């Protein structure tokens, strides 16, 4: 697979990464551990070198799975993980105090079975801790060799600039897809100016853009889509179905899948964008990775933009209390 570079300090990764969260957190029952290990290793065999996890996924267990899976390939891959929640639990509030960041780094190194974290993100901005303190702490961890690169997740332009002034930010992780284009307003121009890479999570709209979800879909009680995200209410899924149909028509014309169009569209936006779709199934992994070979011309991109613009997306991305954490 082709490689892309995140940030100005040479963090080279595969053009598509693998978001590992959904293997055992957030999207329904956990995948059997050995099956999850097998899937991650299958991604490595197919050229993926960029793997995303966090202490909050599980919490903690996702890092353990990623660590076990990647141990045989450690020097061939880039592992990204995150800090920023109290006790590592995303439901108990934010905590990016310097002492907490250090604790997370040491614990994550153990769970990941490694001696360095390639990319260490602040998971969400903590209003109680100046971002300069956060960046300074990660800068110290980099000087100590425990961390290689610093990242932010869902941060505002102001936060990005303040952090970057203390230590170069290699990448911002945030949601971006054909049904969530808010980063185009301010985030992408700022990243381009500063030389920071962009890692879109949920590049397939949490699965909606694949066409596999409609208003009749029943979600497991442990699947956040069923009870957390307003955009996934039954009413909004029905209202947003035309977007999937528009994507389907474009995909059929190109003889590819909706998922491949959605990912290829992201890859075509900027050479420093690296989406991290997640999946629990090998055939979906192979389908997603196939997007790296889909070439979209400027005319294709115009057609996609025009077609998608005819379908206004219904429903908020996050409920208010989670939207507040994005800092935007």
Foldseek 3Di string as FASTA:
>chain_A
DDWFFFFDPGPIWRLAAAEQLVCPAAFAHHPDLVLSLVLNLVLVVVPGAEYEEECQRVNNVSLLSQLVSCVVPVVRHAYEYEAFADVSHPVHGTDLQLVRVVVRLVSSCVSNVHQAHAEYEHAFDDPVDQLLRSLQSVVVCCVVVRYPAYAYELADLVSQVNSCVNPNHREYEYADWLQDHVCVPPPVVSCVVRRGFYEHECLCVVVLLQVPDALPDDGDPRHCLDPWFFCSHSVLRNLQVVLSVLLQVLCVVQVAGSLLVTSLLQCVPDSRYYYHYYDSDNVVSVSNVCSVVDDADPVNNVSSVVSSVVRRRDGDGGPPVVNVRSHD
